[in-house]
N, C-alpha and C. Protein backbone atom coordinates (compact mmCIF):
# COMPACT_ATOMS: atom_id res chain seq x y z
N MET A 1 86.34 111.44 121.86
CA MET A 1 86.13 112.89 121.84
C MET A 1 85.07 113.26 122.88
N ALA A 2 85.39 114.24 123.71
CA ALA A 2 84.48 114.64 124.78
C ALA A 2 83.23 115.29 124.20
N ALA A 3 82.11 115.05 124.85
CA ALA A 3 80.85 115.67 124.43
C ALA A 3 80.93 117.17 124.68
N PRO A 4 80.32 117.98 123.80
CA PRO A 4 80.35 119.43 124.01
C PRO A 4 79.62 119.81 125.30
N ALA A 5 80.11 120.87 125.93
CA ALA A 5 79.46 121.34 127.15
C ALA A 5 78.06 121.83 126.81
N PRO A 6 77.10 121.63 127.71
CA PRO A 6 75.75 122.12 127.43
C PRO A 6 75.73 123.64 127.36
N VAL A 7 74.87 124.17 126.52
CA VAL A 7 74.69 125.62 126.49
C VAL A 7 73.98 126.03 127.78
N LYS A 8 74.11 127.29 128.15
CA LYS A 8 73.50 127.80 129.38
C LYS A 8 72.41 128.80 129.04
N VAL A 9 71.26 128.63 129.68
CA VAL A 9 70.15 129.56 129.53
C VAL A 9 69.83 130.13 130.90
N TYR A 10 69.86 131.45 131.01
CA TYR A 10 69.60 132.12 132.29
C TYR A 10 68.17 132.68 132.28
N GLY A 11 67.40 132.31 133.30
CA GLY A 11 66.07 132.87 133.45
C GLY A 11 65.04 131.81 133.77
N PRO A 12 63.86 132.22 134.23
CA PRO A 12 62.81 131.27 134.60
C PRO A 12 62.01 130.83 133.39
N PRO A 13 61.60 129.57 133.33
CA PRO A 13 60.79 129.10 132.19
C PRO A 13 59.43 129.76 132.10
N LEU A 14 58.95 130.38 133.20
CA LEU A 14 57.69 131.12 133.14
C LEU A 14 57.79 132.36 132.26
N SER A 15 59.00 132.85 132.04
CA SER A 15 59.21 133.97 131.13
C SER A 15 58.91 133.50 129.70
N THR A 16 58.11 134.28 128.97
CA THR A 16 57.77 133.89 127.61
C THR A 16 59.01 133.84 126.71
N ALA A 17 59.94 134.75 126.92
CA ALA A 17 61.15 134.77 126.10
C ALA A 17 62.04 133.57 126.41
N VAL A 18 62.16 133.23 127.67
CA VAL A 18 62.95 132.05 128.06
C VAL A 18 62.29 130.79 127.49
N ALA A 19 60.97 130.72 127.58
CA ALA A 19 60.24 129.56 127.06
C ALA A 19 60.49 129.38 125.57
N ARG A 20 60.57 130.48 124.82
CA ARG A 20 60.84 130.40 123.38
C ARG A 20 62.19 129.73 123.13
N VAL A 21 63.20 130.11 123.88
CA VAL A 21 64.53 129.53 123.72
C VAL A 21 64.54 128.06 124.11
N LEU A 22 63.89 127.73 125.21
CA LEU A 22 63.86 126.34 125.67
C LEU A 22 63.18 125.44 124.64
N ALA A 23 62.08 125.91 124.06
CA ALA A 23 61.39 125.11 123.06
C ALA A 23 62.28 124.87 121.83
N THR A 24 63.04 125.89 121.45
CA THR A 24 63.95 125.75 120.32
C THR A 24 65.03 124.71 120.62
N LEU A 25 65.62 124.80 121.80
CA LEU A 25 66.67 123.85 122.18
C LEU A 25 66.14 122.42 122.20
N LEU A 26 64.93 122.25 122.70
CA LEU A 26 64.35 120.91 122.76
C LEU A 26 64.03 120.39 121.36
N GLU A 27 63.53 121.25 120.48
CA GLU A 27 63.28 120.83 119.09
C GLU A 27 64.58 120.40 118.41
N LYS A 28 65.67 121.07 118.74
CA LYS A 28 66.95 120.79 118.10
C LYS A 28 67.80 119.75 118.85
N ASN A 29 67.25 119.21 119.93
CA ASN A 29 67.97 118.20 120.73
C ASN A 29 69.35 118.71 121.18
N VAL A 30 69.38 119.95 121.65
CA VAL A 30 70.62 120.55 122.15
C VAL A 30 70.63 120.45 123.66
N GLN A 31 71.71 119.95 124.21
CA GLN A 31 71.85 119.85 125.66
C GLN A 31 71.97 121.24 126.26
N PHE A 32 71.25 121.48 127.34
CA PHE A 32 71.30 122.81 127.95
C PHE A 32 71.23 122.71 129.46
N GLN A 33 71.70 123.78 130.09
CA GLN A 33 71.61 123.94 131.53
C GLN A 33 70.79 125.19 131.80
N LEU A 34 69.73 125.05 132.56
CA LEU A 34 68.86 126.18 132.89
C LEU A 34 69.26 126.73 134.24
N LEU A 35 69.62 128.01 134.26
CA LEU A 35 70.13 128.64 135.47
C LEU A 35 69.17 129.75 135.93
N PRO A 36 68.79 129.75 137.19
CA PRO A 36 67.82 130.73 137.66
C PRO A 36 68.41 132.14 137.76
N VAL A 37 67.56 133.12 137.59
CA VAL A 37 67.92 134.52 137.83
C VAL A 37 66.83 135.08 138.73
N ASN A 38 67.18 135.38 139.97
CA ASN A 38 66.19 135.89 140.92
C ASN A 38 66.10 137.40 140.77
N MET A 39 65.12 137.82 139.96
CA MET A 39 64.98 139.25 139.68
C MET A 39 64.44 140.00 140.90
N ALA A 40 63.69 139.31 141.75
CA ALA A 40 63.18 139.95 142.97
C ALA A 40 64.32 140.37 143.88
N LYS A 41 65.42 139.63 143.82
CA LYS A 41 66.60 139.95 144.63
C LYS A 41 67.62 140.80 143.86
N GLY A 42 67.26 141.19 142.64
CA GLY A 42 68.14 142.07 141.88
C GLY A 42 69.32 141.39 141.22
N GLU A 43 69.25 140.07 141.06
CA GLU A 43 70.39 139.37 140.45
C GLU A 43 70.63 139.81 139.00
N HIS A 44 69.57 140.29 138.34
CA HIS A 44 69.70 140.72 136.95
C HIS A 44 70.42 142.06 136.82
N LYS A 45 70.67 142.73 137.94
CA LYS A 45 71.36 144.02 137.91
C LYS A 45 72.82 143.91 138.32
N LYS A 46 73.24 142.70 138.67
CA LYS A 46 74.62 142.52 139.11
C LYS A 46 75.59 142.62 137.93
N PRO A 47 76.78 143.19 138.15
CA PRO A 47 77.73 143.39 137.04
C PRO A 47 78.04 142.12 136.26
N GLU A 48 78.16 140.97 136.94
CA GLU A 48 78.51 139.74 136.23
C GLU A 48 77.39 139.31 135.28
N TYR A 49 76.13 139.61 135.66
CA TYR A 49 75.02 139.26 134.78
C TYR A 49 74.91 140.26 133.62
N LEU A 50 75.15 141.52 133.91
CA LEU A 50 75.06 142.55 132.88
C LEU A 50 76.13 142.37 131.80
N LYS A 51 77.17 141.62 132.09
CA LYS A 51 78.18 141.33 131.07
C LYS A 51 77.61 140.45 129.96
N ILE A 52 76.65 139.60 130.30
CA ILE A 52 76.08 138.72 129.29
C ILE A 52 74.68 139.17 128.85
N GLN A 53 74.04 140.04 129.66
CA GLN A 53 72.74 140.60 129.28
C GLN A 53 72.75 142.07 129.66
N PRO A 54 73.21 142.93 128.74
CA PRO A 54 73.44 144.33 129.09
C PRO A 54 72.18 145.10 129.50
N PHE A 55 71.00 144.58 129.16
CA PHE A 55 69.76 145.26 129.53
C PHE A 55 69.18 144.72 130.84
N GLY A 56 69.84 143.74 131.42
CA GLY A 56 69.37 143.20 132.69
C GLY A 56 68.04 142.49 132.61
N GLN A 57 67.80 141.83 131.48
CA GLN A 57 66.55 141.11 131.28
C GLN A 57 66.85 139.62 131.11
N VAL A 58 65.80 138.83 130.86
CA VAL A 58 65.98 137.41 130.55
C VAL A 58 65.34 137.14 129.19
N PRO A 59 65.91 136.18 128.43
CA PRO A 59 67.00 135.28 128.82
C PRO A 59 68.37 135.88 128.51
N ALA A 60 69.37 135.25 129.10
CA ALA A 60 70.75 135.38 128.64
C ALA A 60 71.18 133.98 128.24
N PHE A 61 72.13 133.91 127.31
CA PHE A 61 72.49 132.63 126.71
C PHE A 61 74.00 132.57 126.54
N GLU A 62 74.58 131.44 126.91
CA GLU A 62 76.02 131.23 126.74
C GLU A 62 76.25 129.91 126.02
N ASP A 63 77.09 129.96 125.00
CA ASP A 63 77.53 128.75 124.30
C ASP A 63 79.03 128.86 124.16
N GLU A 64 79.73 128.23 125.11
CA GLU A 64 81.19 128.36 125.22
C GLU A 64 81.54 129.85 125.38
N SER A 65 82.21 130.45 124.40
CA SER A 65 82.62 131.85 124.56
C SER A 65 81.61 132.83 123.98
N ILE A 66 80.48 132.33 123.48
CA ILE A 66 79.49 133.19 122.82
C ILE A 66 78.39 133.56 123.80
N ASN A 67 78.06 134.85 123.85
CA ASN A 67 76.95 135.34 124.67
C ASN A 67 75.90 135.98 123.77
N LEU A 68 74.65 135.64 123.98
CA LEU A 68 73.54 136.25 123.24
C LEU A 68 72.42 136.58 124.23
N PHE A 69 71.50 137.50 123.82
CA PHE A 69 70.51 137.90 124.82
C PHE A 69 69.11 138.17 124.29
N GLU A 70 68.81 138.00 123.03
CA GLU A 70 67.45 138.24 122.53
C GLU A 70 66.89 136.90 122.06
N SER A 71 65.69 136.55 122.53
CA SER A 71 65.22 135.17 122.37
C SER A 71 65.10 134.74 120.91
N ARG A 72 64.66 135.61 120.04
CA ARG A 72 64.53 135.21 118.63
C ARG A 72 65.90 135.06 117.99
N ALA A 73 66.83 135.95 118.34
CA ALA A 73 68.20 135.83 117.83
C ALA A 73 68.86 134.54 118.34
N ILE A 74 68.64 134.23 119.62
CA ILE A 74 69.18 133.00 120.19
C ILE A 74 68.61 131.79 119.45
N SER A 75 67.31 131.81 119.20
CA SER A 75 66.66 130.68 118.54
C SER A 75 67.21 130.47 117.13
N LYS A 76 67.42 131.57 116.38
CA LYS A 76 67.99 131.45 115.04
C LYS A 76 69.42 130.91 115.11
N TYR A 77 70.19 131.41 116.06
CA TYR A 77 71.56 130.94 116.23
C TYR A 77 71.59 129.43 116.50
N VAL A 78 70.74 128.98 117.40
CA VAL A 78 70.68 127.55 117.73
C VAL A 78 70.34 126.73 116.49
N CYS A 79 69.36 127.21 115.72
CA CYS A 79 68.96 126.48 114.51
C CYS A 79 70.11 126.39 113.50
N ASP A 80 70.86 127.48 113.35
CA ASP A 80 71.95 127.48 112.38
C ASP A 80 73.16 126.68 112.86
N LYS A 81 73.53 126.85 114.13
CA LYS A 81 74.70 126.14 114.61
C LYS A 81 74.46 124.64 114.67
N TYR A 82 73.27 124.26 115.08
CA TYR A 82 72.96 122.84 115.24
C TYR A 82 72.02 122.37 114.13
N ALA A 83 72.34 122.82 112.90
CA ALA A 83 71.46 122.57 111.76
C ALA A 83 71.25 121.09 111.48
N ASN A 84 72.25 120.28 111.78
CA ASN A 84 72.19 118.87 111.39
C ASN A 84 71.67 117.95 112.48
N GLN A 85 71.06 118.50 113.50
CA GLN A 85 70.49 117.65 114.54
C GLN A 85 69.07 118.10 114.89
N GLY A 86 68.34 117.19 115.51
CA GLY A 86 66.97 117.51 115.89
C GLY A 86 66.10 117.82 114.67
N ASN A 87 65.21 118.77 114.82
CA ASN A 87 64.32 119.19 113.74
C ASN A 87 65.12 120.02 112.74
N LYS A 88 65.55 119.38 111.66
CA LYS A 88 66.48 120.03 110.72
C LYS A 88 65.83 121.14 109.90
N GLY A 89 64.51 121.12 109.80
CA GLY A 89 63.84 122.15 109.02
C GLY A 89 63.27 123.28 109.86
N LEU A 90 63.64 123.36 111.13
CA LEU A 90 63.02 124.33 112.02
C LEU A 90 63.21 125.77 111.55
N PHE A 91 64.37 126.06 110.97
CA PHE A 91 64.61 127.39 110.40
C PHE A 91 64.90 127.29 108.91
N GLY A 92 64.37 126.26 108.27
CA GLY A 92 64.50 126.11 106.83
C GLY A 92 65.83 125.49 106.42
N THR A 93 65.84 125.00 105.19
CA THR A 93 67.04 124.35 104.67
C THR A 93 67.53 125.00 103.38
N ASN A 94 66.86 126.06 102.93
CA ASN A 94 67.32 126.78 101.74
C ASN A 94 66.87 128.24 101.87
N PRO A 95 67.41 129.13 101.03
CA PRO A 95 67.11 130.57 101.19
C PRO A 95 65.62 130.90 101.13
N LEU A 96 64.86 130.25 100.25
CA LEU A 96 63.44 130.56 100.15
C LEU A 96 62.69 130.16 101.42
N GLU A 97 62.99 128.97 101.95
CA GLU A 97 62.35 128.53 103.19
C GLU A 97 62.68 129.48 104.33
N LYS A 98 63.96 129.86 104.42
CA LYS A 98 64.38 130.76 105.50
C LYS A 98 63.68 132.11 105.38
N ALA A 99 63.54 132.62 104.16
CA ALA A 99 62.87 133.91 103.97
C ALA A 99 61.40 133.83 104.37
N SER A 100 60.74 132.72 104.03
CA SER A 100 59.34 132.55 104.40
C SER A 100 59.18 132.48 105.91
N ILE A 101 60.06 131.74 106.56
CA ILE A 101 60.02 131.63 108.02
C ILE A 101 60.31 132.99 108.65
N ASP A 102 61.31 133.67 108.10
CA ASP A 102 61.69 134.98 108.65
C ASP A 102 60.55 135.99 108.56
N GLN A 103 59.81 135.98 107.45
CA GLN A 103 58.74 136.98 107.33
C GLN A 103 57.64 136.74 108.36
N TRP A 104 57.37 135.46 108.69
CA TRP A 104 56.35 135.18 109.70
C TRP A 104 56.90 135.36 111.11
N LEU A 105 58.21 135.21 111.27
CA LEU A 105 58.82 135.58 112.55
C LEU A 105 58.71 137.09 112.77
N GLU A 106 58.90 137.84 111.69
CA GLU A 106 58.73 139.30 111.78
C GLU A 106 57.28 139.64 112.10
N ALA A 107 56.35 138.93 111.48
CA ALA A 107 54.93 139.16 111.78
C ALA A 107 54.64 138.89 113.25
N GLU A 108 55.23 137.81 113.77
CA GLU A 108 55.05 137.51 115.20
C GLU A 108 55.62 138.64 116.06
N GLY A 109 56.84 139.05 115.75
CA GLY A 109 57.50 140.06 116.58
C GLY A 109 56.86 141.44 116.48
N GLN A 110 56.41 141.81 115.26
CA GLN A 110 55.90 143.17 115.04
C GLN A 110 54.38 143.29 115.20
N ASN A 111 53.65 142.23 114.89
CA ASN A 111 52.18 142.32 114.88
C ASN A 111 51.51 141.53 116.00
N PHE A 112 51.97 140.29 116.21
CA PHE A 112 51.34 139.42 117.21
C PHE A 112 51.84 139.71 118.62
N ASN A 113 53.13 139.87 118.76
CA ASN A 113 53.71 140.00 120.09
C ASN A 113 53.27 141.25 120.86
N PRO A 114 53.20 142.43 120.25
CA PRO A 114 52.82 143.61 121.05
C PRO A 114 51.46 143.48 121.73
N PRO A 115 50.36 143.20 121.01
CA PRO A 115 49.09 143.10 121.74
C PRO A 115 49.00 141.87 122.62
N SER A 116 49.57 140.74 122.19
CA SER A 116 49.47 139.53 123.01
C SER A 116 50.28 139.68 124.29
N SER A 117 51.40 140.39 124.24
CA SER A 117 52.21 140.58 125.45
C SER A 117 51.48 141.47 126.46
N VAL A 118 50.80 142.50 125.96
CA VAL A 118 50.00 143.34 126.86
C VAL A 118 48.92 142.51 127.54
N LEU A 119 48.25 141.66 126.77
CA LEU A 119 47.18 140.84 127.33
C LEU A 119 47.72 139.80 128.32
N VAL A 120 48.88 139.23 128.01
CA VAL A 120 49.49 138.27 128.95
C VAL A 120 49.78 138.96 130.27
N PHE A 121 50.34 140.17 130.20
CA PHE A 121 50.65 140.87 131.45
C PHE A 121 49.37 141.25 132.19
N GLN A 122 48.43 141.87 131.48
CA GLN A 122 47.22 142.37 132.14
C GLN A 122 46.35 141.25 132.69
N LEU A 123 46.24 140.14 131.97
CA LEU A 123 45.30 139.09 132.33
C LEU A 123 45.92 137.95 133.13
N ALA A 124 47.20 137.66 132.87
CA ALA A 124 47.84 136.52 133.54
C ALA A 124 48.74 136.94 134.69
N PHE A 125 49.52 138.00 134.50
CA PHE A 125 50.51 138.36 135.51
C PHE A 125 50.04 139.43 136.50
N ALA A 126 49.31 140.41 136.02
CA ALA A 126 48.87 141.50 136.93
C ALA A 126 48.10 140.97 138.13
N PRO A 127 47.16 140.03 137.96
CA PRO A 127 46.46 139.52 139.15
C PRO A 127 47.39 138.84 140.15
N ARG A 128 48.38 138.11 139.65
CA ARG A 128 49.32 137.44 140.55
C ARG A 128 50.17 138.45 141.31
N MET A 129 50.46 139.57 140.63
CA MET A 129 51.32 140.59 141.23
C MET A 129 50.51 141.64 141.99
N LYS A 130 49.18 141.42 142.08
CA LYS A 130 48.28 142.34 142.77
C LYS A 130 48.35 143.75 142.18
N ILE A 131 48.45 143.80 140.84
CA ILE A 131 48.43 145.07 140.12
C ILE A 131 47.05 145.24 139.48
N LYS A 132 46.49 146.41 139.59
CA LYS A 132 45.16 146.67 139.03
C LYS A 132 45.20 146.55 137.51
N GLN A 133 44.24 145.82 136.96
CA GLN A 133 44.16 145.66 135.52
C GLN A 133 43.60 146.92 134.87
N ASP A 134 44.09 147.20 133.67
CA ASP A 134 43.65 148.36 132.90
C ASP A 134 42.65 147.87 131.86
N GLU A 135 41.37 148.04 132.11
CA GLU A 135 40.33 147.50 131.22
C GLU A 135 40.39 148.12 129.83
N ASN A 136 40.70 149.39 129.75
CA ASN A 136 40.80 150.04 128.44
C ASN A 136 41.96 149.44 127.63
N MET A 137 43.08 149.20 128.30
CA MET A 137 44.23 148.60 127.65
C MET A 137 43.89 147.19 127.17
N ILE A 138 43.15 146.45 127.98
CA ILE A 138 42.76 145.09 127.62
C ILE A 138 41.88 145.10 126.38
N LYS A 139 40.86 145.95 126.36
CA LYS A 139 39.94 146.01 125.22
C LYS A 139 40.66 146.43 123.95
N LEU A 140 41.53 147.42 124.06
CA LEU A 140 42.27 147.91 122.90
C LEU A 140 43.12 146.81 122.29
N ASN A 141 43.81 146.06 123.14
CA ASN A 141 44.72 145.04 122.63
C ASN A 141 44.01 143.75 122.23
N GLU A 142 42.85 143.50 122.79
CA GLU A 142 42.02 142.40 122.29
C GLU A 142 41.65 142.68 120.84
N ALA A 143 41.25 143.91 120.56
CA ALA A 143 40.87 144.28 119.20
C ALA A 143 42.06 144.18 118.25
N LYS A 144 43.22 144.62 118.70
CA LYS A 144 44.42 144.55 117.86
C LYS A 144 44.78 143.10 117.57
N LEU A 145 44.73 142.26 118.59
CA LEU A 145 45.09 140.86 118.40
C LEU A 145 44.07 140.16 117.50
N ALA A 146 42.81 140.51 117.63
CA ALA A 146 41.78 139.91 116.79
C ALA A 146 42.07 140.17 115.31
N LYS A 147 42.51 141.37 114.98
CA LYS A 147 42.84 141.69 113.58
C LYS A 147 44.01 140.86 113.09
N VAL A 148 45.01 140.66 113.94
CA VAL A 148 46.16 139.82 113.57
C VAL A 148 45.70 138.39 113.34
N LEU A 149 44.88 137.89 114.22
CA LEU A 149 44.43 136.51 114.10
C LEU A 149 43.49 136.32 112.91
N ASP A 150 42.84 137.38 112.47
CA ASP A 150 42.06 137.29 111.23
C ASP A 150 42.98 137.03 110.03
N VAL A 151 44.13 137.68 110.03
CA VAL A 151 45.13 137.45 108.97
C VAL A 151 45.63 136.01 109.06
N TYR A 152 45.91 135.55 110.28
CA TYR A 152 46.39 134.19 110.47
C TYR A 152 45.34 133.17 110.02
N GLU A 153 44.08 133.47 110.30
CA GLU A 153 42.99 132.56 109.91
C GLU A 153 43.00 132.35 108.39
N ARG A 154 43.19 133.44 107.65
CA ARG A 154 43.22 133.30 106.19
C ARG A 154 44.46 132.53 105.75
N ARG A 155 45.58 132.85 106.32
CA ARG A 155 46.83 132.17 105.95
C ARG A 155 46.75 130.68 106.27
N LEU A 156 46.23 130.35 107.43
CA LEU A 156 46.19 128.95 107.85
C LEU A 156 45.09 128.16 107.15
N GLY A 157 44.28 128.85 106.37
CA GLY A 157 43.36 128.16 105.47
C GLY A 157 44.05 127.74 104.19
N GLU A 158 45.24 128.33 103.95
CA GLU A 158 46.01 128.04 102.74
C GLU A 158 47.13 127.04 102.99
N SER A 159 47.65 127.01 104.21
CA SER A 159 48.76 126.11 104.54
C SER A 159 48.59 125.60 105.96
N ARG A 160 49.20 124.47 106.23
CA ARG A 160 49.04 123.84 107.54
C ARG A 160 49.64 124.69 108.64
N TYR A 161 50.81 125.28 108.35
CA TYR A 161 51.50 126.13 109.31
C TYR A 161 51.75 127.49 108.67
N LEU A 162 52.27 128.43 109.43
CA LEU A 162 52.40 129.80 108.92
C LEU A 162 53.34 129.92 107.73
N ALA A 163 54.48 129.22 107.78
CA ALA A 163 55.47 129.36 106.71
C ALA A 163 55.37 128.25 105.67
N GLY A 164 54.36 127.42 105.77
CA GLY A 164 54.23 126.31 104.82
C GLY A 164 53.58 125.12 105.46
N ASP A 165 53.92 123.95 104.98
CA ASP A 165 53.28 122.73 105.46
C ASP A 165 54.06 122.00 106.54
N GLU A 166 55.15 122.62 107.02
CA GLU A 166 55.94 122.02 108.10
C GLU A 166 56.03 122.99 109.28
N PHE A 167 56.05 122.45 110.48
CA PHE A 167 56.24 123.25 111.69
C PHE A 167 57.62 123.88 111.68
N THR A 168 57.68 125.18 111.93
CA THR A 168 58.97 125.89 111.93
C THR A 168 59.05 126.85 113.11
N LEU A 169 60.17 127.55 113.14
CA LEU A 169 60.41 128.55 114.18
C LEU A 169 59.33 129.63 114.17
N ALA A 170 58.73 129.88 113.01
CA ALA A 170 57.67 130.88 112.93
C ALA A 170 56.48 130.48 113.80
N ASP A 171 56.14 129.21 113.80
CA ASP A 171 55.04 128.73 114.64
C ASP A 171 55.47 128.67 116.10
N LEU A 172 56.65 128.11 116.33
CA LEU A 172 57.16 127.95 117.69
C LEU A 172 57.18 129.28 118.45
N SER A 173 57.54 130.34 117.75
CA SER A 173 57.69 131.63 118.42
C SER A 173 56.38 132.16 118.99
N HIS A 174 55.26 131.66 118.50
CA HIS A 174 53.95 132.07 119.00
C HIS A 174 53.52 131.31 120.26
N LEU A 175 54.19 130.21 120.56
CA LEU A 175 53.72 129.35 121.64
C LEU A 175 53.70 130.01 123.02
N PRO A 176 54.74 130.73 123.44
CA PRO A 176 54.75 131.22 124.83
C PRO A 176 53.58 132.13 125.19
N ASN A 177 53.33 133.17 124.38
CA ASN A 177 52.22 134.07 124.70
C ASN A 177 50.87 133.37 124.53
N SER A 178 50.76 132.56 123.48
CA SER A 178 49.49 131.87 123.23
C SER A 178 49.14 130.92 124.36
N GLN A 179 50.14 130.29 124.93
CA GLN A 179 49.91 129.35 126.04
C GLN A 179 49.18 130.05 127.19
N TYR A 180 49.66 131.23 127.55
CA TYR A 180 49.01 131.98 128.64
C TYR A 180 47.60 132.40 128.24
N LEU A 181 47.44 132.88 127.01
CA LEU A 181 46.15 133.43 126.61
C LEU A 181 45.08 132.36 126.45
N VAL A 182 45.46 131.21 125.90
CA VAL A 182 44.48 130.15 125.66
C VAL A 182 44.14 129.41 126.95
N ASN A 183 45.13 129.20 127.80
CA ASN A 183 44.93 128.33 128.97
C ASN A 183 44.84 129.07 130.30
N GLY A 184 45.17 130.37 130.31
CA GLY A 184 45.20 131.04 131.60
C GLY A 184 44.43 132.34 131.68
N THR A 185 43.62 132.65 130.65
CA THR A 185 42.89 133.91 130.65
C THR A 185 41.48 133.69 130.08
N ASN A 186 40.72 134.77 130.02
CA ASN A 186 39.35 134.69 129.50
C ASN A 186 39.25 135.12 128.04
N VAL A 187 40.38 135.16 127.34
CA VAL A 187 40.34 135.56 125.93
C VAL A 187 40.69 134.40 124.99
N ALA A 188 40.58 133.18 125.49
CA ALA A 188 40.88 132.01 124.67
C ALA A 188 40.05 131.99 123.39
N GLU A 189 38.85 132.58 123.44
CA GLU A 189 37.96 132.57 122.28
C GLU A 189 38.58 133.28 121.07
N LEU A 190 39.52 134.17 121.31
CA LEU A 190 40.21 134.80 120.19
C LEU A 190 40.85 133.74 119.29
N PHE A 191 41.29 132.65 119.89
CA PHE A 191 41.91 131.55 119.15
C PHE A 191 40.87 130.50 118.76
N THR A 192 40.05 130.10 119.71
CA THR A 192 39.15 128.96 119.49
C THR A 192 37.97 129.29 118.59
N SER A 193 37.64 130.56 118.43
CA SER A 193 36.52 130.94 117.56
C SER A 193 36.92 130.98 116.09
N ARG A 194 38.19 130.82 115.80
CA ARG A 194 38.69 130.81 114.43
C ARG A 194 39.14 129.39 114.10
N LYS A 195 38.45 128.75 113.18
CA LYS A 195 38.64 127.32 112.92
C LYS A 195 40.08 126.97 112.59
N ASN A 196 40.69 127.71 111.69
CA ASN A 196 42.06 127.38 111.27
C ASN A 196 43.08 127.70 112.36
N VAL A 197 42.87 128.82 113.05
CA VAL A 197 43.78 129.18 114.15
C VAL A 197 43.66 128.14 115.26
N GLU A 198 42.46 127.71 115.58
CA GLU A 198 42.29 126.71 116.63
C GLU A 198 42.97 125.40 116.25
N ARG A 199 42.79 124.97 115.01
CA ARG A 199 43.45 123.74 114.55
C ARG A 199 44.96 123.87 114.65
N TRP A 200 45.48 125.01 114.20
CA TRP A 200 46.93 125.29 114.26
C TRP A 200 47.42 125.28 115.71
N TRP A 201 46.69 125.97 116.60
CA TRP A 201 47.10 126.01 118.01
C TRP A 201 47.12 124.61 118.61
N ASP A 202 46.10 123.82 118.33
CA ASP A 202 46.04 122.46 118.87
C ASP A 202 47.25 121.65 118.41
N GLU A 203 47.65 121.83 117.15
CA GLU A 203 48.79 121.07 116.62
C GLU A 203 50.11 121.53 117.23
N ILE A 204 50.35 122.82 117.24
CA ILE A 204 51.67 123.28 117.70
C ILE A 204 51.83 123.10 119.21
N SER A 205 50.75 123.24 119.96
CA SER A 205 50.85 123.11 121.42
C SER A 205 50.91 121.65 121.86
N SER A 206 50.68 120.72 120.93
CA SER A 206 50.74 119.30 121.25
C SER A 206 52.12 118.70 120.99
N ARG A 207 53.05 119.49 120.52
CA ARG A 207 54.39 118.96 120.25
C ARG A 207 55.08 118.60 121.57
N GLU A 208 55.85 117.52 121.53
CA GLU A 208 56.50 117.04 122.75
C GLU A 208 57.43 118.09 123.33
N SER A 209 58.11 118.84 122.48
CA SER A 209 59.03 119.87 122.96
C SER A 209 58.28 120.91 123.79
N TRP A 210 57.11 121.34 123.30
CA TRP A 210 56.36 122.36 124.03
C TRP A 210 55.76 121.80 125.31
N LYS A 211 55.28 120.56 125.26
CA LYS A 211 54.73 119.95 126.47
C LYS A 211 55.81 119.86 127.56
N GLU A 212 57.04 119.66 127.15
CA GLU A 212 58.13 119.62 128.13
C GLU A 212 58.38 121.00 128.73
N VAL A 213 58.30 122.04 127.91
CA VAL A 213 58.45 123.40 128.43
C VAL A 213 57.34 123.71 129.44
N VAL A 214 56.11 123.35 129.10
CA VAL A 214 54.98 123.60 130.01
C VAL A 214 55.19 122.88 131.33
N GLU A 215 55.73 121.66 131.27
CA GLU A 215 56.01 120.92 132.50
C GLU A 215 57.08 121.63 133.32
N MET A 216 58.08 122.19 132.65
CA MET A 216 59.11 122.96 133.35
C MET A 216 58.52 124.20 134.00
N GLN A 217 57.52 124.81 133.35
CA GLN A 217 56.87 125.99 133.93
C GLN A 217 56.10 125.64 135.19
N ARG A 218 55.59 124.44 135.24
CA ARG A 218 54.83 124.00 136.42
C ARG A 218 55.74 123.69 137.60
N SER A 219 56.98 123.30 137.32
CA SER A 219 57.94 123.00 138.38
C SER A 219 59.27 123.62 137.99
N PRO A 220 59.33 124.97 137.98
CA PRO A 220 60.50 125.68 137.45
C PRO A 220 61.72 125.62 138.36
N SER A 221 62.40 124.51 138.33
CA SER A 221 63.63 124.36 139.11
C SER A 221 64.81 124.23 138.16
N PRO A 222 66.02 124.61 138.59
CA PRO A 222 67.19 124.50 137.73
C PRO A 222 67.36 123.06 137.24
N ARG A 223 67.81 122.92 135.99
CA ARG A 223 67.94 121.57 135.46
C ARG A 223 68.97 121.53 134.33
N ASN A 224 69.39 120.34 134.05
CA ASN A 224 70.17 120.05 132.86
C ASN A 224 69.30 119.21 131.94
N ALA A 225 69.41 119.40 130.65
CA ALA A 225 68.62 118.61 129.72
C ALA A 225 69.46 118.26 128.52
């Protein structure tokens, strides 16, 4: 029986959303092909790309005849379709586990992601793009993120990871933005000044799957895995 064709992921690994999908695929031991999208040349606006990503963003994802385009939805799909391989508990193995993971995924998407994404852009990307930083925006979102991390500090004093005592998609989803903030900006103290958050960050960022994503970000060339 022929091996299944690798899934296709469109976009650069430097994208936080693309990085989320890549980390999920690596945790689940799913073969994938990473395909570049040159947004500077407008490739994301071409009709053939808009067929699989109607908003012209990254990532886009193909698995045979299936097209998906939102990183958290893609990650859940990968976990469910490939439930019996790789990290089998990444999205839980029963309804209660899945609900616990889902609520912390919602917390990431609704509470952590908005301020952390602003800080990633203002502190990590704006200088590279020669865009003037907005100091008021930075201060406002530092304060917002600090409040979120205060909640995480309490939670992580009760359990090893956000959804319990095992690493799950809820933790993984925080890796892309946190990577930039801890290692590439001057706001790392938001994480390192909180004992439980720092311990959690050290654990999740040390996973082999994430270290491989970081290596791909350092040399972002098309690849099969």
